C-alpha cells in the first residue's frame, strides 16, 4: 500500500472526499426509491456550473480523463502536460461542469475538449463521472456546448465516438441529443450535429 507506484501523482478534492460522497449517494438512493425518477430529480435542487477550466482544475480534469470509461466518448488518455497544452491553444476549449444538490457536492464531474476550425466544431473528448449518470447532466452540458459552438459561428459539431466495452450508453445519449451517425468504422463512429438545421434541446426542467 505504501509502494510509490501505487499512488497517484496528484489527489483531487473529489478523490479525497470519496467516502463522504459515497455516503451522500447512499442517501440519494434511499430517497429515489420512494418516488418516480422525475419527481426525485425535481426535488434534488440541482445547482450546476458550466465554465471554462481554470488552472486549479487541471489535476481533477487529468484524473477524470484517465479514469473514466463508462460515460466517455473517446476513451483517450491525456497527461497533465498535454491538457496544459490544450489550455494554451487559442482554438481549443476545455469546459468543465460542477454539480451540487441538496444532499451534497458532486464536485467537478464532467469535461469537454472542443476544437474550432473555421465553421466546424470538433468535440475531441466528452466525459462524465458515472456518479451523475441518469441525472440529465450529460444533456445539460451538451446543450451548453452546442449553443457555444453555434454562437461562435460554427455550422456543424462533430466527434469520433470510440467503441469501448462499457460506453455504449454514451452513444445513446448523443443520439437522444440530436447527433446523427455519418460514418461507421470498425472501432469508431462519426457523429455529427447540424447546427444550422437541428434544434438544440433545452436544459432539463429540473
C-alpha atoms as a PDB file:
ATOM      1  CA  UNK A   1       0.000   0.000   0.000  1.00  0.00           C
ATOM      2  CA  UNK A   2       2.930   2.345   0.508  1.00  0.00           C
ATOM      3  CA  UNK A   3       4.714   1.485  -2.749  1.00  0.00           C
ATOM      4  CA  UNK A   4       5.100   4.770  -4.641  1.00  0.00           C
ATOM      5  CA  UNK A   5       3.900   3.347  -7.971  1.00  0.00           C
ATOM      6  CA  UNK A   6       0.542   2.562  -6.380  1.00  0.00           C
ATOM      7  CA  UNK A   7      -0.093   6.223  -5.556  1.00  0.00           C
ATOM      8  CA  UNK A   8      -1.366   8.872  -7.994  1.00  0.00           C
ATOM      9  CA  UNK A   9       0.802  11.888  -8.700  1.00  0.00           C
ATOM     10  CA  UNK A  10      -1.996  14.206  -7.615  1.00  0.00           C
ATOM     11  CA  UNK A  11      -5.045  13.642  -5.391  1.00  0.00           C
ATOM     12  CA  UNK A  12      -8.028  15.814  -6.270  1.00  0.00           C
ATOM     13  CA  UNK A  13     -10.536  17.178  -3.774  1.00  0.00           C
ATOM     14  CA  UNK A  14     -13.124  14.783  -5.202  1.00  0.00           C
ATOM     15  CA  UNK A  15     -10.878  11.771  -4.567  1.00  0.00           C
ATOM     16  CA  UNK A  16     -10.013  12.918  -1.070  1.00  0.00           C
ATOM     17  CA  UNK A  17     -13.737  13.256  -0.272  1.00  0.00           C
ATOM     18  CA  UNK A  18     -14.751   9.963  -1.889  1.00  0.00           C
ATOM     19  CA  UNK A  19     -16.041   8.377   1.347  1.00  0.00           C
ATOM     20  CA  UNK A  20     -18.281  11.379   2.081  1.00  0.00           C
ATOM     21  CA  UNK A  21     -19.595  11.280  -1.484  1.00  0.00           C
ATOM     22  CA  UNK A  22     -20.454   7.575  -1.191  1.00  0.00           C
ATOM     23  CA  UNK A  23     -22.458   8.317   1.970  1.00  0.00           C
ATOM     24  CA  UNK A  24     -24.296  11.154   0.194  1.00  0.00           C
ATOM     25  CA  UNK A  25     -25.071   8.844  -2.720  1.00  0.00           C
ATOM     26  CA  UNK A  26     -26.494   6.274  -0.311  1.00  0.00           C
ATOM     27  CA  UNK A  27     -28.907   8.923   0.981  1.00  0.00           C
ATOM     28  CA  UNK A  28     -29.904   9.845  -2.579  1.00  0.00           C
ATOM     29  CA  UNK A  29     -30.631   6.218  -3.407  1.00  0.00           C
ATOM     30  CA  UNK A  30     -32.830   5.802  -0.338  1.00  0.00           C
ATOM     31  CA  UNK A  31     -34.955   8.805  -1.319  1.00  0.00           C
ATOM     32  CA  UNK A  32     -35.026   7.825  -5.020  1.00  0.00           C
ATOM     33  CA  UNK A  33     -36.659   4.504  -4.156  1.00  0.00           C
ATOM     34  CA  UNK A  34     -39.693   6.296  -2.700  1.00  0.00           C
ATOM     35  CA  UNK A  35     -40.789   8.219  -5.827  1.00  0.00           C
ATOM     36  CA  UNK A  36     -40.646   8.379  -9.611  1.00  0.00           C
ATOM     37  CA  UNK A  37     -37.375   9.293 -11.327  1.00  0.00           C
ATOM     38  CA  UNK A  38     -38.636  12.697 -12.495  1.00  0.00           C
ATOM     39  CA  UNK A  39     -40.124  13.578  -9.110  1.00  0.00           C
ATOM     40  CA  UNK A  40     -36.837  12.636  -7.459  1.00  0.00           C
ATOM     41  CA  UNK A  41     -34.777  14.760  -9.857  1.00  0.00           C
ATOM     42  CA  UNK A  42     -37.048  17.781  -9.357  1.00  0.00           C
ATOM     43  CA  UNK A  43     -36.725  17.685  -5.580  1.00  0.00           C
ATOM     44  CA  UNK A  44     -32.912  17.295  -5.586  1.00  0.00           C
ATOM     45  CA  UNK A  45     -32.495  21.080  -6.062  1.00  0.00           C
ATOM     46  CA  UNK A  46     -29.606  20.816  -8.522  1.00  0.00           C
ATOM     47  CA  UNK A  47     -27.126  23.655  -8.862  1.00  0.00           C
ATOM     48  CA  UNK A  48     -24.977  23.252 -11.958  1.00  0.00           C
ATOM     49  CA  UNK A  49     -21.986  25.352 -13.011  1.00  0.00           C
ATOM     50  CA  UNK A  50     -20.689  25.166 -16.597  1.00  0.00           C
ATOM     51  CA  UNK A  51     -17.417  27.044 -17.145  1.00  0.00           C
ATOM     52  CA  UNK A  52     -14.010  27.011 -18.754  1.00  0.00           C
ATOM     53  CA  UNK A  53     -11.326  25.002 -16.994  1.00  0.00           C
ATOM     54  CA  UNK A  54      -9.310  27.073 -14.529  1.00  0.00           C
ATOM     55  CA  UNK A  55      -5.661  26.330 -13.578  1.00  0.00           C
ATOM     56  CA  UNK A  56      -6.810  24.893 -10.232  1.00  0.00           C
ATOM     57  CA  UNK A  57      -8.992  22.349 -12.087  1.00  0.00           C
ATOM     58  CA  UNK A  58      -6.242  20.682 -14.100  1.00  0.00           C
ATOM     59  CA  UNK A  59      -5.491  17.871 -11.623  1.00  0.00           C
ATOM     60  CA  UNK A  60      -9.146  16.851 -11.440  1.00  0.00           C
ATOM     61  CA  UNK A  61      -9.537  17.112 -15.224  1.00  0.00           C
ATOM     62  CA  UNK A  62      -6.478  14.885 -15.693  1.00  0.00           C
ATOM     63  CA  UNK A  63      -7.871  12.405 -13.165  1.00  0.00           C
ATOM     64  CA  UNK A  64     -11.267  12.191 -14.888  1.00  0.00           C
ATOM     65  CA  UNK A  65      -9.741  11.769 -18.343  1.00  0.00           C
ATOM     66  CA  UNK A  66      -7.571   8.902 -17.181  1.00  0.00           C
ATOM     67  CA  UNK A  67     -10.164   7.118 -15.031  1.00  0.00           C
ATOM     68  CA  UNK A  68     -13.474   7.492 -16.876  1.00  0.00           C
ATOM     69  CA  UNK A  69     -14.637   4.628 -19.105  1.00  0.00           C
ATOM     70  CA  UNK A  70     -18.406   4.377 -18.984  1.00  0.00           C
ATOM     71  CA  UNK A  71     -19.536   7.909 -19.893  1.00  0.00           C
ATOM     72  CA  UNK A  72     -16.677   8.717 -22.253  1.00  0.00           C
ATOM     73  CA  UNK A  73     -16.910   9.399 -25.992  1.00  0.00           C
ATOM     74  CA  UNK A  74     -13.248   8.976 -26.948  1.00  0.00           C
ATOM     75  CA  UNK A  75     -11.576   6.919 -24.163  1.00  0.00           C
ATOM     76  CA  UNK A  76      -8.462   8.978 -24.883  1.00  0.00           C
ATOM     77  CA  UNK A  77      -5.918   9.345 -22.086  1.00  0.00           C
ATOM     78  CA  UNK A  78      -4.027  12.618 -21.749  1.00  0.00           C
ATOM     79  CA  UNK A  79      -1.197  13.535 -19.405  1.00  0.00           C
ATOM     80  CA  UNK A  80      -1.354  16.748 -17.390  1.00  0.00           C
ATOM     81  CA  UNK A  81       1.215  18.359 -19.713  1.00  0.00           C
ATOM     82  CA  UNK A  82      -0.969  17.589 -22.745  1.00  0.00           C
ATOM     83  CA  UNK A  83      -4.025  19.124 -21.089  1.00  0.00           C
ATOM     84  CA  UNK A  84      -1.966  22.206 -20.276  1.00  0.00           C
ATOM     85  CA  UNK A  85      -1.023  22.411 -23.962  1.00  0.00           C
ATOM     86  CA  UNK A  86      -4.711  22.258 -24.935  1.00  0.00           C
ATOM     87  CA  UNK A  87      -5.475  25.031 -22.435  1.00  0.00           C
ATOM     88  CA  UNK A  88      -2.878  27.284 -24.067  1.00  0.00           C
ATOM     89  CA  UNK A  89      -4.143  26.648 -27.609  1.00  0.00           C
ATOM     90  CA  UNK A  90      -6.336  29.603 -28.738  1.00  0.00           C
ATOM     91  CA  UNK A  91      -8.643  27.407 -30.890  1.00  0.00           C
ATOM     92  CA  UNK A  92      -9.240  24.805 -28.175  1.00  0.00           C
ATOM     93  CA  UNK A  93     -11.831  24.976 -25.397  1.00  0.00           C
ATOM     94  CA  UNK A  94     -11.738  22.956 -22.199  1.00  0.00           C
ATOM     95  CA  UNK A  95     -15.087  23.142 -20.440  1.00  0.00           C
ATOM     96  CA  UNK A  96     -15.913  21.609 -17.065  1.00  0.00           C
ATOM     97  CA  UNK A  97     -19.141  21.098 -15.172  1.00  0.00           C
ATOM     98  CA  UNK A  98     -19.725  21.058 -11.420  1.00  0.00           C
ATOM     99  CA  UNK A  99     -22.843  19.797  -9.698  1.00  0.00           C
ATOM    100  CA  UNK A 100     -24.373  20.201  -6.251  1.00  0.00           C
ATOM    101  CA  UNK A 101     -27.729  19.118  -4.866  1.00  0.00           C
ATOM    102  CA  UNK A 102     -29.445  19.189  -1.500  1.00  0.00           C
ATOM    103  CA  UNK A 103     -27.596  16.022  -0.441  1.00  0.00           C
ATOM    104  CA  UNK A 104     -24.107  17.385  -1.050  1.00  0.00           C
ATOM    105  CA  UNK A 105     -21.446  18.373  -3.567  1.00  0.00           C
ATOM    106  CA  UNK A 106     -20.620  16.095  -6.520  1.00  0.00           C
ATOM    107  CA  UNK A 107     -17.662  18.335  -7.384  1.00  0.00           C
ATOM    108  CA  UNK A 108     -16.209  18.583 -10.883  1.00  0.00           C
ATOM    109  CA  UNK A 109     -17.885  15.736 -12.770  1.00  0.00           C
ATOM    110  CA  UNK A 110     -17.640  16.499 -16.493  1.00  0.00           C
ATOM    111  CA  UNK A 111     -15.074  17.572 -19.077  1.00  0.00           C
ATOM    112  CA  UNK A 112     -15.276  18.608 -22.728  1.00  0.00           C
ATOM    113  CA  UNK A 113     -12.339  19.359 -25.021  1.00  0.00           C
ATOM    114  CA  UNK A 114     -13.544  21.122 -28.164  1.00  0.00           C
ATOM    115  CA  UNK A 115     -11.618  22.489 -31.153  1.00  0.00           C
ATOM    116  CA  UNK A 116     -12.925  25.152 -33.546  1.00  0.00           C
ATOM    117  CA  UNK A 117     -11.675  25.148 -37.118  1.00  0.00           C
ATOM    118  CA  UNK A 118     -13.472  27.583 -39.416  1.00  0.00           C
ATOM    119  CA  UNK A 119     -17.154  26.554 -39.339  1.00  0.00           C
ATOM    120  CA  UNK A 120     -16.586  23.149 -37.739  1.00  0.00           C
ATOM    121  CA  UNK A 121     -16.571  22.443 -34.001  1.00  0.00           C
ATOM    122  CA  UNK A 122     -14.866  19.125 -33.208  1.00  0.00           C
ATOM    123  CA  UNK A 123     -15.536  17.543 -29.823  1.00  0.00           C
ATOM    124  CA  UNK A 124     -12.304  15.702 -29.141  1.00  0.00           C
ATOM    125  CA  UNK A 125     -13.310  14.413 -25.700  1.00  0.00           C
ATOM    126  CA  UNK A 126     -16.552  14.454 -23.736  1.00  0.00           C
ATOM    127  CA  UNK A 127     -16.879  12.557 -20.472  1.00  0.00           C
ATOM    128  CA  UNK A 128     -18.688  12.448 -17.154  1.00  0.00           C
ATOM    129  CA  UNK A 129     -18.240  10.762 -13.823  1.00  0.00           C
ATOM    130  CA  UNK A 130     -20.599   7.788 -13.524  1.00  0.00           C
ATOM    131  CA  UNK A 131     -21.817   9.334 -10.240  1.00  0.00           C
ATOM    132  CA  UNK A 132     -24.051  11.701 -12.241  1.00  0.00           C
ATOM    133  CA  UNK A 133     -25.379   9.062 -14.618  1.00  0.00           C
ATOM    134  CA  UNK A 134     -29.107   9.433 -15.389  1.00  0.00           C
ATOM    135  CA  UNK A 135     -29.269  12.850 -13.724  1.00  0.00           C
ATOM    136  CA  UNK A 136     -29.581  14.769 -17.010  1.00  0.00           C
ATOM    137  CA  UNK A 137     -26.166  16.382 -16.506  1.00  0.00           C
ATOM    138  CA  UNK A 138     -24.965  14.978 -19.848  1.00  0.00           C
ATOM    139  CA  UNK A 139     -27.911  16.650 -21.619  1.00  0.00           C
ATOM    140  CA  UNK A 140     -27.279  19.931 -19.797  1.00  0.00           C
ATOM    141  CA  UNK A 141     -23.615  20.034 -20.811  1.00  0.00           C
ATOM    142  CA  UNK A 142     -24.329  19.086 -24.432  1.00  0.00           C
ATOM    143  CA  UNK A 143     -26.870  21.908 -24.630  1.00  0.00           C
ATOM    144  CA  UNK A 144     -24.263  24.370 -23.352  1.00  0.00           C
ATOM    145  CA  UNK A 145     -21.535  23.104 -25.718  1.00  0.00           C
ATOM    146  CA  UNK A 146     -23.737  23.152 -28.822  1.00  0.00           C
ATOM    147  CA  UNK A 147     -25.038  26.650 -28.036  1.00  0.00           C
ATOM    148  CA  UNK A 148     -21.430  27.807 -27.560  1.00  0.00           C
ATOM    149  CA  UNK A 149     -20.394  26.340 -30.925  1.00  0.00           C
ATOM    150  CA  UNK A 150     -23.361  27.949 -32.661  1.00  0.00           C
ATOM    151  CA  UNK A 151     -22.613  31.322 -31.066  1.00  0.00           C
ATOM    152  CA  UNK A 152     -19.073  31.094 -32.461  1.00  0.00           C
ATOM    153  CA  UNK A 153     -20.495  30.802 -35.989  1.00  0.00           C
ATOM    154  CA  UNK A 154     -19.970  27.066 -36.396  1.00  0.00           C
ATOM    155  CA  UNK A 155     -22.308  25.227 -38.753  1.00  0.00           C
ATOM    156  CA  UNK A 156     -21.623  21.716 -37.545  1.00  0.00           C
ATOM    157  CA  UNK A 157     -20.386  19.898 -34.454  1.00  0.00           C
ATOM    158  CA  UNK A 158     -18.630  16.592 -34.989  1.00  0.00           C
ATOM    159  CA  UNK A 159     -16.972  13.859 -32.960  1.00  0.00           C
ATOM    160  CA  UNK A 160     -15.422  10.441 -33.415  1.00  0.00           C
ATOM    161  CA  UNK A 161     -17.041   8.113 -30.906  1.00  0.00           C
ATOM    162  CA  UNK A 162     -14.699   5.273 -29.939  1.00  0.00           C
ATOM    163  CA  UNK A 163     -16.448   1.997 -29.140  1.00  0.00           C
ATOM    164  CA  UNK A 164     -15.422   0.604 -25.762  1.00  0.00           C
ATOM    165  CA  UNK A 165     -16.572  -2.279 -23.585  1.00  0.00           C
ATOM    166  CA  UNK A 166     -18.644  -0.015 -21.300  1.00  0.00           C
ATOM    167  CA  UNK A 167     -19.566   3.211 -23.112  1.00  0.00           C
ATOM    168  CA  UNK A 168     -22.465   2.224 -25.389  1.00  0.00           C
ATOM    169  CA  UNK A 169     -24.838   4.254 -23.195  1.00  0.00           C
ATOM    170  CA  UNK A 170     -22.908   7.415 -24.045  1.00  0.00           C
ATOM    171  CA  UNK A 171     -23.617   6.880 -27.743  1.00  0.00           C
ATOM    172  CA  UNK A 172     -27.331   6.622 -26.931  1.00  0.00           C
ATOM    173  CA  UNK A 173     -27.153   9.933 -25.023  1.00  0.00           C
ATOM    174  CA  UNK A 174     -25.618  11.622 -28.073  1.00  0.00           C
ATOM    175  CA  UNK A 175     -28.310  10.218 -30.371  1.00  0.00           C
ATOM    176  CA  UNK A 176     -31.009  11.484 -27.993  1.00  0.00           C
ATOM    177  CA  UNK A 177     -29.436  14.951 -28.199  1.00  0.00           C
ATOM    178  CA  UNK A 178     -29.591  15.196 -31.995  1.00  0.00           C
ATOM    179  CA  UNK A 179     -26.259  13.738 -33.119  1.00  0.00           C
ATOM    180  CA  UNK A 180     -26.516  11.564 -36.222  1.00  0.00           C
ATOM    181  CA  UNK A 181     -24.205   8.829 -37.452  1.00  0.00           C
ATOM    182  CA  UNK A 182     -22.455   9.885 -40.672  1.00  0.00           C
ATOM    183  CA  UNK A 183     -19.805   7.147 -40.928  1.00  0.00           C
ATOM    184  CA  UNK A 184     -19.197   3.720 -39.402  1.00  0.00           C
ATOM    185  CA  UNK A 185     -15.748   2.244 -38.833  1.00  0.00           C
ATOM    186  CA  UNK A 186     -14.743  -0.980 -37.066  1.00  0.00           C
ATOM    187  CA  UNK A 187     -13.842   0.772 -33.806  1.00  0.00           C
ATOM    188  CA  UNK A 188     -15.299   4.264 -34.230  1.00  0.00           C
ATOM    189  CA  UNK A 189     -18.480   6.057 -35.248  1.00  0.00           C
ATOM    190  CA  UNK A 190     -18.517   9.557 -36.736  1.00  0.00           C
ATOM    191  CA  UNK A 191     -21.351  11.572 -35.183  1.00  0.00           C
ATOM    192  CA  UNK A 192     -22.441  14.998 -36.400  1.00  0.00           C
ATOM    193  CA  UNK A 193     -24.859  17.692 -35.243  1.00  0.00           C
ATOM    194  CA  UNK A 194     -26.099  20.154 -37.872  1.00  0.00           C
ATOM    195  CA  UNK A 195     -26.113  23.488 -36.053  1.00  0.00           C
ATOM    196  CA  UNK A 196     -27.971  25.218 -38.907  1.00  0.00           C
ATOM    197  CA  UNK A 197     -30.885  22.787 -39.205  1.00  0.00           C
ATOM    198  CA  UNK A 198     -31.169  20.793 -35.974  1.00  0.00           C
ATOM    199  CA  UNK A 199     -32.830  22.301 -32.897  1.00  0.00           C
ATOM    200  CA  UNK A 200     -30.652  22.203 -29.773  1.00  0.00           C
ATOM    201  CA  UNK A 201     -32.503  20.704 -26.821  1.00  0.00           C
ATOM    202  CA  UNK A 202     -33.271  22.927 -23.873  1.00  0.00           C
ATOM    203  CA  UNK A 203     -31.880  22.347 -20.404  1.00  0.00           C
ATOM    204  CA  UNK A 204     -33.592  19.636 -18.314  1.00  0.00           C
ATOM    205  CA  UNK A 205     -36.501  21.111 -16.367  1.00  0.00           C
ATOM    206  CA  UNK A 206     -35.058  20.097 -13.009  1.00  0.00           C
END
